Amino acid sequence: MALSSLPFKHPALRQWLAPFARMRKPAILRTCRLQKTKYGTMFERGDGVKMSKPKIFTVSALWDDEASVWSGHCDDIPAAADAPTLDALLEKISAMAIDLLPDNHPEIDPADVFVQITALKEAEPA
């Protein structure tokens, strides 16, 4: 079974189940189920391993030519930061997300937090 044929659309779940997709008869995929917990919906794989639904925060980043930094913000966390590289910005915002999570999103388990960046930079002529 190919990874693209997994019956789940969420990238994190697909990645988590990918090793089982390579099995000849992935019965584990047919026995998956969802259950409600205090943190929301819990996904249980056929072998008993459990995982909550991931929460993805999207950071909008913009390149500032004058300051030579990436400026990013996420209204859902809420957080804003500047950094010289996208990796550094991701690191800063990720740390802020974990720190601010109990105050702003107490229902979300910190282990289920993912941060993605949408970056915008003006194209340079060749």
PDB file of N, CA and C in Angstrom:
ATOM      1  N   MET A   1       0.857  -1.180   0.000  1.00  0.00           N
ATOM      2  CA  MET A   1       0.000   0.000   0.000  1.00  0.00           C
ATOM      3  C   MET A   1       0.896   1.234   0.000  1.00  0.00           C
ATOM      4  N   ALA A   2       0.664   2.125  -0.927  1.00  0.00           N
ATOM      5  CA  ALA A   2       1.460   3.348  -1.024  1.00  0.00           C
ATOM      6  C   ALA A   2       0.986   4.366  -0.006  1.00  0.00           C
ATOM      7  N   LEU A   3       1.901   5.248   0.391  1.00  0.00           N
ATOM      8  CA  LEU A   3       1.573   6.300   1.351  1.00  0.00           C
ATOM      9  C   LEU A   3       0.436   7.173   0.830  1.00  0.00           C
ATOM     10  N   SER A   4       0.407   7.410  -0.466  1.00  0.00           N
ATOM     11  CA  SER A   4      -0.635   8.266  -1.040  1.00  0.00           C
ATOM     12  C   SER A   4      -2.013   7.613  -0.983  1.00  0.00           C
ATOM     13  N   SER A   5      -2.077   6.307  -0.789  1.00  0.00           N
ATOM     14  CA  SER A   5      -3.373   5.638  -0.743  1.00  0.00           C
ATOM     15  C   SER A   5      -3.900   5.451   0.677  1.00  0.00           C
ATOM     16  N   LEU A   6      -3.196   6.009   1.668  1.00  0.00           N
ATOM     17  CA  LEU A   6      -3.695   5.918   3.039  1.00  0.00           C
ATOM     18  C   LEU A   6      -5.044   6.616   3.136  1.00  0.00           C
ATOM     19  N   PRO A   7      -5.965   6.096   3.961  1.00  0.00           N
ATOM     20  CA  PRO A   7      -7.302   6.678   4.026  1.00  0.00           C
ATOM     21  C   PRO A   7      -7.405   7.935   4.883  1.00  0.00           C
ATOM     22  N   PHE A   8      -6.284   8.552   5.249  1.00  0.00           N
ATOM     23  CA  PHE A   8      -6.299   9.727   6.095  1.00  0.00           C
ATOM     24  C   PHE A   8      -5.699  10.893   5.345  1.00  0.00           C
ATOM     25  N   LYS A   9      -6.323  12.070   5.465  1.00  0.00           N
ATOM     26  CA  LYS A   9      -5.865  13.233   4.708  1.00  0.00           C
ATOM     27  C   LYS A   9      -4.861  14.097   5.465  1.00  0.00           C
ATOM     28  N   HIS A  10      -4.855  14.067   6.796  1.00  0.00           N
ATOM     29  CA  HIS A  10      -3.980  14.946   7.562  1.00  0.00           C
ATOM     30  C   HIS A  10      -2.522  14.480   7.442  1.00  0.00           C
ATOM     31  N   PRO A  11      -1.587  15.384   7.064  1.00  0.00           N
ATOM     32  CA  PRO A  11      -0.194  15.002   6.845  1.00  0.00           C
ATOM     33  C   PRO A  11       0.464  14.357   8.062  1.00  0.00           C
ATOM     34  N   ALA A  12       0.170  14.851   9.264  1.00  0.00           N
ATOM     35  CA  ALA A  12       0.807  14.286  10.453  1.00  0.00           C
ATOM     36  C   ALA A  12       0.344  12.852  10.691  1.00  0.00           C
ATOM     37  N   LEU A  13      -0.935  12.579  10.489  1.00  0.00           N
ATOM     38  CA  LEU A  13      -1.434  11.213  10.644  1.00  0.00           C
ATOM     39  C   LEU A  13      -0.864  10.311   9.570  1.00  0.00           C
ATOM     40  N   ARG A  14      -0.772  10.818   8.349  1.00  0.00           N
ATOM     41  CA  ARG A  14      -0.220  10.017   7.253  1.00  0.00           C
ATOM     42  C   ARG A  14       1.240   9.663   7.540  1.00  0.00           C
ATOM     43  N   GLN A  15       2.008  10.618   8.057  1.00  0.00           N
ATOM     44  CA  GLN A  15       3.406  10.359   8.372  1.00  0.00           C
ATOM     45  C   GLN A  15       3.522   9.355   9.512  1.00  0.00           C
ATOM     46  N   TRP A  16       2.661   9.482  10.502  1.00  0.00           N
ATOM     47  CA  TRP A  16       2.676   8.607  11.656  1.00  0.00           C
ATOM     48  C   TRP A  16       2.343   7.170  11.268  1.00  0.00           C
ATOM     49  N   LEU A  17       1.469   7.005  10.256  1.00  0.00           N
ATOM     50  CA  LEU A  17       1.049   5.679   9.820  1.00  0.00           C
ATOM     51  C   LEU A  17       1.881   5.136   8.665  1.00  0.00           C
ATOM     52  N   ALA A  18       2.796   5.935   8.116  1.00  0.00           N
ATOM     53  CA  ALA A  18       3.563   5.537   6.945  1.00  0.00           C
ATOM     54  C   ALA A  18       4.296   4.202   7.087  1.00  0.00           C
ATOM     55  N   PRO A  19       4.961   3.903   8.219  1.00  0.00           N
ATOM     56  CA  PRO A  19       5.649   2.613   8.307  1.00  0.00           C
ATOM     57  C   PRO A  19       4.708   1.417   8.135  1.00  0.00           C
ATOM     58  N   PHE A  20       3.465   1.587   8.540  1.00  0.00           N
ATOM     59  CA  PHE A  20       2.517   0.484   8.433  1.00  0.00           C
ATOM     60  C   PHE A  20       1.957   0.351   7.027  1.00  0.00           C
ATOM     61  N   ALA A  21       2.012   1.442   6.259  1.00  0.00           N
ATOM     62  CA  ALA A  21       1.503   1.407   4.895  1.00  0.00           C
ATOM     63  C   ALA A  21       2.374   0.525   4.011  1.00  0.00           C
ATOM     64  N   ARG A  22       3.626   0.320   4.394  1.00  0.00           N
ATOM     65  CA  ARG A  22       4.534  -0.500   3.608  1.00  0.00           C
ATOM     66  C   ARG A  22       4.352  -2.003   3.880  1.00  0.00           C
ATOM     67  N   MET A  23       3.554  -2.336   4.877  1.00  0.00           N
ATOM     68  CA  MET A  23       3.298  -3.740   5.188  1.00  0.00           C
ATOM     69  C   MET A  23       2.421  -4.353   4.108  1.00  0.00           C
ATOM     70  N   ARG A  24       2.571  -5.637   3.930  1.00  0.00           N
ATOM     71  CA  ARG A  24       1.805  -6.326   2.897  1.00  0.00           C
ATOM     72  C   ARG A  24       0.295  -6.278   3.175  1.00  0.00           C
ATOM     73  N   LYS A  25      -0.098  -6.541   4.407  1.00  0.00           N
ATOM     74  CA  LYS A  25      -1.502  -6.482   4.792  1.00  0.00           C
ATOM     75  C   LYS A  25      -1.628  -5.585   6.018  1.00  0.00           C
ATOM     76  N   PRO A  26      -1.736  -4.293   5.825  1.00  0.00           N
ATOM     77  CA  PRO A  26      -1.754  -3.371   6.960  1.00  0.00           C
ATOM     78  C   PRO A  26      -3.078  -3.397   7.724  1.00  0.00           C
ATOM     79  N   ALA A  27      -3.328  -4.484   8.453  1.00  0.00           N
ATOM     80  CA  ALA A  27      -4.564  -4.606   9.226  1.00  0.00           C
ATOM     81  C   ALA A  27      -4.676  -3.501  10.265  1.00  0.00           C
ATOM     82  N   ILE A  28      -3.528  -2.991  10.687  1.00  0.00           N
ATOM     83  CA  ILE A  28      -3.512  -1.927  11.691  1.00  0.00           C
ATOM     84  C   ILE A  28      -4.282  -0.700  11.213  1.00  0.00           C
ATOM     85  N   LEU A  29      -4.264  -0.454   9.900  1.00  0.00           N
ATOM     86  CA  LEU A  29      -4.959   0.702   9.357  1.00  0.00           C
ATOM     87  C   LEU A  29      -6.470   0.489   9.355  1.00  0.00           C
ATOM     88  N   ARG A  30      -6.899  -0.750   9.253  1.00  0.00           N
ATOM     89  CA  ARG A  30      -8.334  -1.025   9.225  1.00  0.00           C
ATOM     90  C   ARG A  30      -8.948  -0.999  10.624  1.00  0.00           C
ATOM     91  N   THR A  31      -8.105  -1.032  11.661  1.00  0.00           N
ATOM     92  CA  THR A  31      -8.619  -1.078  13.024  1.00  0.00           C
ATOM     93  C   THR A  31      -8.407   0.240  13.768  1.00  0.00           C
ATOM     94  N   CYS A  32      -8.159   1.322  13.053  1.00  0.00           N
ATOM     95  CA  CYS A  32      -7.991   2.631  13.683  1.00  0.00           C
ATOM     96  C   CYS A  32      -9.345   3.159  14.140  1.00  0.00           C
ATOM     97  N   ARG A  33      -9.333   3.941  15.234  1.00  0.00           N
ATOM     98  CA  ARG A  33     -10.577   4.538  15.706  1.00  0.00           C
ATOM     99  C   ARG A  33     -10.299   5.872  16.387  1.00  0.00           C
ATOM    100  N   LEU A  34     -11.341   6.654  16.523  1.00  0.00           N
ATOM    101  CA  LEU A  34     -11.271   7.947  17.183  1.00  0.00           C
ATOM    102  C   LEU A  34     -12.037   7.873  18.496  1.00  0.00           C
ATOM    103  N   GLN A  35     -11.550   8.569  19.536  1.00  0.00           N
ATOM    104  CA  GLN A  35     -12.270   8.647  20.792  1.00  0.00           C
ATOM    105  C   GLN A  35     -12.085  10.033  21.397  1.00  0.00           C
ATOM    106  N   LYS A  36     -13.055  10.471  22.179  1.00  0.00           N
ATOM    107  CA  LYS A  36     -13.031  11.799  22.797  1.00  0.00           C
ATOM    108  C   LYS A  36     -12.246  11.749  24.105  1.00  0.00           C
ATOM    109  N   THR A  37     -11.410  12.785  24.352  1.00  0.00           N
ATOM    110  CA  THR A  37     -10.666  12.926  25.599  1.00  0.00           C
ATOM    111  C   THR A  37     -10.778  14.371  26.061  1.00  0.00           C
ATOM    112  N   LYS A  38     -10.149  14.694  27.190  1.00  0.00           N
ATOM    113  CA  LYS A  38     -10.214  16.075  27.680  1.00  0.00           C
ATOM    114  C   LYS A  38      -9.479  17.040  26.760  1.00  0.00           C
ATOM    115  N   TYR A  39      -8.542  16.525  25.944  1.00  0.00           N
ATOM    116  CA  TYR A  39      -7.820  17.375  24.994  1.00  0.00           C
ATOM    117  C   TYR A  39      -8.479  17.381  23.622  1.00  0.00           C
ATOM    118  N   GLY A  40      -9.621  16.757  23.483  1.00  0.00           N
ATOM    119  CA  GLY A  40     -10.284  16.706  22.188  1.00  0.00           C
ATOM    120  C   GLY A  40     -10.318  15.280  21.667  1.00  0.00           C
ATOM    121  N   THR A  41     -10.279  15.124  20.372  1.00  0.00           N
ATOM    122  CA  THR A  41     -10.371  13.814  19.745  1.00  0.00           C
ATOM    123  C   THR A  41      -9.019  13.115  19.769  1.00  0.00           C
ATOM    124  N   MET A  42      -9.020  11.866  20.199  1.00  0.00           N
ATOM    125  CA  MET A  42      -7.807  11.054  20.253  1.00  0.00           C
ATOM    126  C   MET A  42      -7.891  10.003  19.152  1.00  0.00           C
ATOM    127  N   PHE A  43      -6.821   9.848  18.401  1.00  0.00           N
ATOM    128  CA  PHE A  43      -6.735   8.853  17.340  1.00  0.00           C
ATOM    129  C   PHE A  43      -6.006   7.643  17.900  1.00  0.00           C
ATOM    130  N   GLU A  44      -6.598   6.462  17.777  1.00  0.00           N
ATOM    131  CA  GLU A  44      -5.955   5.253  18.277  1.00  0.00           C
ATOM    132  C   GLU A  44      -5.687   4.309  17.119  1.00  0.00           C
ATOM    133  N   ARG A  45      -4.407   3.957  16.974  1.00  0.00           N
ATOM    134  CA  ARG A  45      -3.978   3.034  15.934  1.00  0.00           C
ATOM    135  C   ARG A  45      -4.367   1.624  16.357  1.00  0.00           C
ATOM    136  N   GLY A  46      -4.422   0.697  15.450  1.00  0.00           N
ATOM    137  CA  GLY A  46      -4.822  -0.666  15.730  1.00  0.00           C
ATOM    138  C   GLY A  46      -3.966  -1.388  16.746  1.00  0.00           C
ATOM    139  N   ASP A  47      -2.720  -0.956  16.951  1.00  0.00           N
ATOM    140  CA  ASP A  47      -1.841  -1.615  17.920  1.00  0.00           C
ATOM    141  C   ASP A  47      -1.910  -0.962  19.296  1.00  0.00           C
ATOM    142  N   GLY A  48      -2.870  -0.046  19.498  1.00  0.00           N
ATOM    143  CA  GLY A  48      -3.065   0.574  20.801  1.00  0.00           C
ATOM    144  C   GLY A  48      -2.336   1.887  21.004  1.00  0.00           C
ATOM    145  N   VAL A  49      -1.480   2.301  20.085  1.00  0.00           N
ATOM    146  CA  VAL A  49      -0.775   3.571  20.204  1.00  0.00           C
ATOM    147  C   VAL A  49      -1.768   4.697  19.964  1.00  0.00           C
ATOM    148  N   LYS A  50      -1.763   5.711  20.857  1.00  0.00           N
ATOM    149  CA  LYS A  50      -2.726   6.804  20.765  1.00  0.00           C
ATOM    150  C   LYS A  50      -2.038   8.111  20.399  1.00  0.00           C
ATOM    151  N   MET A  51      -2.772   8.961  19.705  1.00  0.00           N
ATOM    152  CA  MET A  51      -2.259  10.266  19.302  1.00  0.00           C
ATOM    153  C   MET A  51      -3.431  11.229  19.207  1.00  0.00           C
ATOM    154  N   SER A  52      -3.279  12.405  19.785  1.00  0.00           N
ATOM    155  CA  SER A  52      -4.313  13.430  19.661  1.00  0.00           C
ATOM    156  C   SER A  52      -4.224  14.066  18.286  1.00  0.00           C
ATOM    157  N   LYS A  53      -5.303  14.698  17.887  1.00  0.00           N
ATOM    158  CA  LYS A  53      -5.308  15.413  16.615  1.00  0.00           C
ATOM    159  C   LYS A  53      -4.343  16.582  16.724  1.00  0.00           C
ATOM    160  N   PRO A  54      -3.403  16.706  15.804  1.00  0.00           N
ATOM    161  CA  PRO A  54      -2.437  17.809  15.878  1.00  0.00           C
ATOM    162  C   PRO A  54      -3.107  19.172  15.691  1.00  0.00           C
ATOM    163  N   LYS A  55      -2.589  20.166  16.396  1.00  0.00           N
ATOM    164  CA  LYS A  55      -3.039  21.546  16.225  1.00  0.00           C
ATOM    165  C   LYS A  55      -1.927  22.284  15.494  1.00  0.00           C
ATOM    166  N   ILE A  56      -2.241  22.819  14.331  1.00  0.00           N
ATOM    167  CA  ILE A  56      -1.247  23.507  13.505  1.00  0.00           C
ATOM    168  C   ILE A  56      -1.507  25.004  13.559  1.00  0.00           C
ATOM    169  N   PHE A  57      -0.481  25.749  13.998  1.00  0.00           N
ATOM    170  CA  PHE A  57      -0.537  27.203  13.992  1.00  0.00           C
ATOM    171  C   PHE A  57       0.256  27.696  12.779  1.00  0.00           C
ATOM    172  N   THR A  58      -0.319  28.618  12.032  1.00  0.00           N
ATOM    173  CA  THR A  58       0.347  29.154  10.849  1.00  0.00           C
ATOM    174  C   THR A  58       0.901  30.538  11.153  1.00  0.00           C
ATOM    175  N   VAL A  59       2.194  30.704  10.918  1.00  0.00           N
ATOM    176  CA  VAL A  59       2.887  31.973  11.127  1.00  0.00           C
ATOM    177  C   VAL A  59       3.048  32.647   9.764  1.00  0.00           C
ATOM    178  N   SER A  60       2.622  33.889   9.658  1.00  0.00           N
ATOM    179  CA  SER A  60       2.832  34.670   8.438  1.00  0.00           C
ATOM    180  C   SER A  60       4.138  35.432   8.593  1.00  0.00           C
ATOM    181  N   ALA A  61       5.066  35.206   7.681  1.00  0.00           N
ATOM    182  CA  ALA A  61       6.379  35.851   7.755  1.00  0.00           C
ATOM    183  C   ALA A  61       6.610  36.724   6.522  1.00  0.00           C
ATOM    184  N   LEU A  62       7.274  37.841   6.748  1.00  0.00           N
ATOM    185  CA  LEU A  62       7.559  38.798   5.681  1.00  0.00           C
ATOM    186  C   LEU A  62       9.000  39.264   5.817  1.00  0.00           C
ATOM    187  N   TRP A  63       9.731  39.303   4.719  1.00  0.00           N
ATOM    188  CA  TRP A  63      11.121  39.757   4.732  1.00  0.00           C
ATOM    189  C   TRP A  63      11.170  41.275   4.781  1.00  0.00           C
ATOM    190  N   ASP A  64      11.932  41.826   5.733  1.00  0.00           N
ATOM    191  CA  ASP A  64      12.121  43.268   5.874  1.00  0.00           C
ATOM    192  C   ASP A  64      13.515  43.595   5.363  1.00  0.00           C
ATOM    193  N   ASP A  65      13.590  44.229   4.173  1.00  0.00           N
ATOM    194  CA  ASP A  65      14.882  44.550   3.556  1.00  0.00           C
ATOM    195  C   ASP A  65      15.703  45.519   4.388  1.00  0.00           C
ATOM    196  N   GLU A  66      15.055  46.529   4.959  1.00  0.00           N
ATOM    197  CA  GLU A  66      15.781  47.543   5.731  1.00  0.00           C
ATOM    198  C   GLU A  66      16.468  46.950   6.955  1.00  0.00           C
ATOM    199  N   ALA A  67      15.760  46.091   7.673  1.00  0.00           N
ATOM    200  CA  ALA A  67      16.316  45.504   8.896  1.00  0.00           C
ATOM    201  C   ALA A  67      17.027  44.177   8.636  1.00  0.00           C
ATOM    202  N   SER A  68      16.864  43.625   7.435  1.00  0.00           N
ATOM    203  CA  SER A  68      17.441  42.322   7.061  1.00  0.00           C
ATOM    204  C   SER A  68      17.030  41.215   8.029  1.00  0.00           C
ATOM    205  N   VAL A  69      15.733  41.176   8.315  1.00  0.00           N
ATOM    206  CA  VAL A  69      15.187  40.135   9.186  1.00  0.00           C
ATOM    207  C   VAL A  69      13.837  39.660   8.647  1.00  0.00           C
ATOM    208  N   TRP A  70      13.458  38.478   9.068  1.00  0.00           N
ATOM    209  CA  TRP A  70      12.114  37.964   8.829  1.00  0.00           C
ATOM    210  C   TRP A  70      11.243  38.389  10.002  1.00  0.00           C
ATOM    211  N   SER A  71      10.118  39.008   9.718  1.00  0.00           N
ATOM    212  CA  SER A  71       9.151  39.380  10.753  1.00  0.00           C
ATOM    213  C   SER A  71       7.960  38.447  10.612  1.00  0.00           C
ATOM    214  N   GLY A  72       7.604  37.807  11.717  1.00  0.00           N
ATOM    215  CA  GLY A  72       6.498  36.859  11.660  1.00  0.00           C
ATOM    216  C   GLY A  72       5.522  37.062  12.793  1.00  0.00           C
ATOM    217  N   HIS A  73       4.262  36.720  12.539  1.00  0.00           N
ATOM    218  CA  HIS A  73       3.245  36.808  13.579  1.00  0.00           C
ATOM    219  C   HIS A  73       2.201  35.706  13.375  1.00  0.00           C
ATOM    220  N   CYS A  74       1.574  35.348  14.457  1.00  0.00           N
ATOM    221  CA  CYS A  74       0.469  34.388  14.438  1.00  0.00           C
ATOM    222  C   CYS A  74      -0.580  34.892  15.418  1.00  0.00           C
ATOM    223  N   ASP A  75      -1.747  35.239  14.916  1.00  0.00           N
ATOM    224  CA  ASP A  75      -2.806  35.782  15.765  1.00  0.00           C
ATOM    225  C   ASP A  75      -3.446  34.719  16.644  1.00  0.00           C
ATOM    226  N   ASP A  76      -3.364  33.451  16.251  1.00  0.00           N
ATOM    227  CA  ASP A  76      -3.982  32.382  17.038  1.00  0.00           C
ATOM    228  C   ASP A  76      -3.230  32.078  18.321  1.00  0.00           C
ATOM    229  N   ILE A  77      -1.912  32.353  18.360  1.00  0.00           N
ATOM    230  CA  ILE A  77      -1.130  31.996  19.562  1.00  0.00           C
ATOM    231  C   ILE A  77      -1.383  32.971  20.706  1.00  0.00           C
ATOM    232  N   PRO A  78      -1.357  34.217  20.708  1.00  0.00           N
ATOM    233  CA  PRO A  78      -0.797  35.227  19.799  1.00  0.00           C
ATOM    234  C   PRO A  78       0.699  35.431  20.054  1.00  0.00           C
ATOM    235  N   ALA A  79       1.437  35.624  18.980  1.00  0.00           N
ATOM    236  CA  ALA A  79       2.881  35.821  19.098  1.00  0.00           C
ATOM    237  C   ALA A  79       3.403  36.561  17.873  1.00  0.00           C
ATOM    238  N   ALA A  80       4.506  37.291  18.077  1.00  0.00           N
ATOM    239  CA  ALA A  80       5.196  37.983  16.990  1.00  0.00           C
ATOM    240  C   ALA A  80       6.680  38.016  17.321  1.00  0.00           C
ATOM    241  N   ALA A  81       7.525  37.907  16.280  1.00  0.00           N
ATOM    242  CA  ALA A  81       8.969  37.900  16.499  1.00  0.00           C
ATOM    243  C   ALA A  81       9.683  38.281  15.212  1.00  0.00           C
ATOM    244  N   ASP A  82      10.952  38.634  15.360  1.00  0.00           N
ATOM    245  CA  ASP A  82      11.848  38.919  14.233  1.00  0.00           C
ATOM    246  C   ASP A  82      13.064  38.017  14.362  1.00  0.00           C
ATOM    247  N   ALA A  83      13.625  37.611  13.224  1.00  0.00           N
ATOM    248  CA  ALA A  83      14.830  36.781  13.243  1.00  0.00           C
ATOM    249  C   ALA A  83      15.530  36.893  11.889  1.00  0.00           C
ATOM    250  N   PRO A  84      16.850  36.677  11.860  1.00  0.00           N
ATOM    251  CA  PRO A  84      17.588  36.803  10.612  1.00  0.00           C
ATOM    252  C   PRO A  84      17.317  35.674   9.609  1.00  0.00           C
ATOM    253  N   THR A  85      16.846  34.516  10.100  1.00  0.00           N
ATOM    254  CA  THR A  85      16.549  33.386   9.201  1.00  0.00           C
ATOM    255  C   THR A  85      15.158  32.827   9.531  1.00  0.00           C
ATOM    256  N   LEU A  86      14.589  32.102   8.587  1.00  0.00           N
ATOM    257  CA  LEU A  86      13.293  31.475   8.827  1.00  0.00           C
ATOM    258  C   LEU A  86      13.396  30.398   9.907  1.00  0.00           C
ATOM    259  N   ASP A  87      14.517  29.680   9.949  1.00  0.00           N
ATOM    260  CA  ASP A  87      14.705  28.666  10.990  1.00  0.00           C
ATOM    261  C   ASP A  87      14.712  29.292  12.379  1.00  0.00           C
ATOM    262  N   ALA A  88      15.405  30.415  12.504  1.00  0.00           N
ATOM    263  CA  ALA A  88      15.452  31.111  13.793  1.00  0.00           C
ATOM    264  C   ALA A  88      14.070  31.650  14.169  1.00  0.00           C
ATOM    265  N   LEU A  89      13.341  32.143  13.180  1.00  0.00           N
ATOM    266  CA  LEU A  89      11.990  32.629  13.430  1.00  0.00           C
ATOM    267  C   LEU A  89      11.082  31.485  13.883  1.00  0.00           C
ATOM    268  N   LEU A  90      11.190  30.357  13.232  1.00  0.00           N
ATOM    269  CA  LEU A  90      10.396  29.188  13.608  1.00  0.00           C
ATOM    270  C   LEU A  90      10.718  28.754  15.032  1.00  0.00           C
ATOM    271  N   GLU A  91      11.984  28.777  15.383  1.00  0.00           N
ATOM    272  CA  GLU A  91      12.409  28.407  16.738  1.00  0.00           C
ATOM    273  C   GLU A  91      11.810  29.361  17.787  1.00  0.00           C
ATOM    274  N   LYS A  92      11.870  30.664  17.509  1.00  0.00           N
ATOM    275  CA  LYS A  92      11.323  31.651  18.447  1.00  0.00           C
ATOM    276  C   LYS A  92       9.817  31.512  18.624  1.00  0.00           C
ATOM    277  N   ILE A  93       9.100  31.424  17.499  1.00  0.00           N
ATOM    278  CA  ILE A  93       7.648  31.336  17.556  1.00  0.00           C
ATOM    279  C   ILE A  93       7.205  30.016  18.196  1.00  0.00           C
ATOM    280  N   SER A  94       7.925  28.942  17.929  1.00  0.00           N
ATOM    281  CA  SER A  94       7.594  27.650  18.537  1.00  0.00           C
ATOM    282  C   SER A  94       7.714  27.710  20.055  1.00  0.00           C
ATOM    283  N   ALA A  95       8.788  28.331  20.539  1.00  0.00           N
ATOM    284  CA  ALA A  95       8.974  28.481  21.986  1.00  0.00           C
ATOM    285  C   ALA A  95       7.861  29.344  22.583  1.00  0.00           C
ATOM    286  N   MET A  96       7.485  30.418  21.881  1.00  0.00           N
ATOM    287  CA  MET A  96       6.396  31.274  22.347  1.00  0.00           C
ATOM    288  C   MET A  96       5.070  30.502  22.386  1.00  0.00           C
ATOM    289  N   ALA A  97       4.839  29.692  21.374  1.00  0.00           N
ATOM    290  CA  ALA A  97       3.592  28.928  21.310  1.00  0.00           C
ATOM    291  C   ALA A  97       3.450  28.010  22.518  1.00  0.00           C
ATOM    292  N   ILE A  98       4.518  27.316  22.867  1.00  0.00           N
ATOM    293  CA  ILE A  98       4.478  26.407  24.018  1.00  0.00           C
ATOM    294  C   ILE A  98       4.298  27.191  25.318  1.00  0.00           C
ATOM    295  N   ASP A  99       4.976  28.334  25.438  1.00  0.00           N
ATOM    296  CA  ASP A  99       4.848  29.162  26.646  1.00  0.00           C
ATOM    297  C   ASP A  99       3.443  29.749  26.806  1.00  0.00           C
ATOM    298  N   LEU A 100       2.833  30.175  25.708  1.00  0.00           N
ATOM    299  CA  LEU A 100       1.535  30.845  25.764  1.00  0.00           C
ATOM    300  C   LEU A 100       0.347  29.893  25.682  1.00  0.00           C
ATOM    301  N   LEU A 101       0.610  28.639  25.375  1.00  0.00           N
ATOM    302  CA  LEU A 101      -0.473  27.672  25.187  1.00  0.00           C
ATOM    303  C   LEU A 101      -1.395  27.524  26.395  1.00  0.00           C
ATOM    304  N   PRO A 102      -0.882  27.364  27.624  1.00  0.00           N
ATOM    305  CA  PRO A 102      -1.790  27.192  28.772  1.00  0.00           C
ATOM    306  C   PRO A 102      -2.733  28.376  28.989  1.00  0.00           C
ATOM    307  N   ASP A 103      -2.276  29.589  28.665  1.00  0.00           N
ATOM    308  CA  ASP A 103      -3.110  30.773  28.865  1.00  0.00           C
ATOM    309  C   ASP A 103      -4.155  30.960  27.758  1.00  0.00           C
ATOM    310  N   ASN A 104      -3.773  30.654  26.527  1.00  0.00           N
ATOM    311  CA  ASN A 104      -4.643  30.934  25.391  1.00  0.00           C
ATOM    312  C   ASN A 104      -5.395  29.722  24.845  1.00  0.00           C
ATOM    313  N   HIS A 105      -4.843  28.537  25.019  1.00  0.00           N
ATOM    314  CA  HIS A 105      -5.469  27.313  24.516  1.00  0.00           C
ATOM    315  C   HIS A 105      -5.268  26.179  25.517  1.00  0.00           C
ATOM    316  N   PRO A 106      -5.890  26.254  26.694  1.00  0.00           N
ATOM    317  CA  PRO A 106      -5.658  25.226  27.715  1.00  0.00           C
ATOM    318  C   PRO A 106      -6.144  23.838  27.309  1.00  0.00           C
ATOM    319  N   GLU A 107      -7.024  23.762  26.308  1.00  0.00           N
ATOM    320  CA  GLU A 107      -7.561  22.477  25.881  1.00  0.00           C
ATOM    321  C   GLU A 107      -6.603  21.707  24.960  1.00  0.00           C
ATOM    322  N   ILE A 108      -5.518  22.342  24.520  1.00  0.00           N
ATOM    323  CA  ILE A 108      -4.585  21.708  23.583  1.00  0.00           C
ATOM    324  C   ILE A 108      -3.378  21.160  24.332  1.00  0.00           C
ATOM    325  N   ASP A 109      -3.060  19.910  24.072  1.00  0.00           N
ATOM    326  CA  ASP A 109      -1.883  19.267  24.649  1.00  0.00           C
ATOM    327  C   ASP A 109      -0.640  19.815  23.937  1.00  0.00           C
ATOM    328  N   PRO A 110       0.375  20.311  24.669  1.00  0.00           N
ATOM    329  CA  PRO A 110       1.580  20.859  24.026  1.00  0.00           C
ATOM    330  C   PRO A 110       2.284  19.877  23.081  1.00  0.00           C
ATOM    331  N   ALA A 111       2.145  18.591  23.318  1.00  0.00           N
ATOM    332  CA  ALA A 111       2.781  17.593  22.443  1.00  0.00           C
ATOM    333  C   ALA A 111       2.136  17.550  21.068  1.00  0.00           C
ATOM    334  N   ASP A 112       0.945  18.122  20.928  1.00  0.00           N
ATOM    335  CA  ASP A 112       0.223  18.084  19.661  1.00  0.00           C
ATOM    336  C   ASP A 112       0.336  19.373  18.858  1.00  0.00           C
ATOM    337  N   VAL A 113       1.216  20.282  19.280  1.00  0.00           N
ATOM    338  CA  VAL A 113       1.351  21.577  18.613  1.00  0.00           C
ATOM    339  C   VAL A 113       2.396  21.503  17.489  1.00  0.00           C
ATOM    340  N   PHE A 114       1.995  21.990  16.329  1.00  0.00           N
ATOM    341  CA  PHE A 114       2.895  22.116  15.183  1.00  0.00           C
ATOM    342  C   PHE A 114       2.828  23.563  14.715  1.00  0.00           C
ATOM    343  N   VAL A 115       3.942  24.097  14.233  1.00  0.00           N
ATOM    344  CA  VAL A 115       3.997  25.468  13.736  1.00  0.00           C
ATOM    345  C   VAL A 115       4.498  25.417  12.299  1.00  0.00           C
ATOM    346  N   GLN A 116       3.757  26.063  11.406  1.00  0.00           N
ATOM    347  CA  GLN A 116       4.199  26.158  10.013  1.00  0.00           C
ATOM    348  C   GLN A 116       4.330  27.624   9.646  1.00  0.00           C
ATOM    349  N   ILE A 117       5.221  27.903   8.710  1.00  0.00           N
ATOM    350  CA  ILE A 117       5.474  29.290   8.297  1.00  0.00           C
ATOM    351  C   ILE A 117       5.058  29.479   6.845  1.00  0.00           C
ATOM    352  N   THR A 118       4.339  30.561   6.606  1.00  0.00           N
ATOM    353  CA  THR A 118       4.058  31.009   5.246  1.00  0.00           C
ATOM    354  C   THR A 118       4.897  32.268   5.049  1.00  0.00           C
ATOM    355  N   ALA A 119       5.906  32.177   4.175  1.00  0.00           N
ATOM    356  CA  ALA A 119       6.869  33.270   4.010  1.00  0.00           C
ATOM    357  C   ALA A 119       6.646  34.011   2.697  1.00  0.00           C
ATOM    358  N   LEU A 120       6.832  35.330   2.746  1.00  0.00           N
ATOM    359  CA  LEU A 120       6.677  36.182   1.576  1.00  0.00           C
ATOM    360  C   LEU A 120       7.907  37.069   1.446  1.00  0.00           C
ATOM    361  N   LYS A 121       8.546  37.009   0.275  1.00  0.00           N
ATOM    362  CA  LYS A 121       9.716  37.839   0.009  1.00  0.00           C
ATOM    363  C   LYS A 121       9.633  38.274  -1.451  1.00  0.00           C
ATOM    364  N   GLU A 122       9.952  39.529  -1.690  1.00  0.00           N
ATOM    365  CA  GLU A 122       9.889  40.050  -3.054  1.00  0.00           C
ATOM    366  C   GLU A 122      10.899  39.334  -3.942  1.00  0.00           C
ATOM    367  N   ALA A 123      10.468  38.955  -5.130  1.00  0.00           N
ATOM    368  CA  ALA A 123      11.352  38.264  -6.068  1.00  0.00           C
ATOM    369  C   ALA A 123      12.432  39.211  -6.567  1.00  0.00           C
ATOM    370  N   GLU A 124      13.635  38.703  -6.656  1.00  0.00           N
ATOM    371  CA  GLU A 124      14.763  39.503  -7.134  1.00  0.00           C
ATOM    372  C   GLU A 124      14.981  39.232  -8.609  1.00  0.00           C
ATOM    373  N   PRO A 125      15.246  40.278  -9.397  1.00  0.00           N
ATOM    374  CA  PRO A 125      15.492  40.076 -10.835  1.00  0.00           C
ATOM    375  C   PRO A 125      16.767  39.286 -11.062  1.00  0.00           C
ATOM    376  N   ALA A 126      16.773  38.525 -12.131  1.00  0.00           N
ATOM    377  CA  ALA A 126      17.935  37.674 -12.458  1.00  0.00           C
ATOM    378  C   ALA A 126      19.120  38.451 -12.931  1.00  0.00           C
TER     379      ALA A 126
END
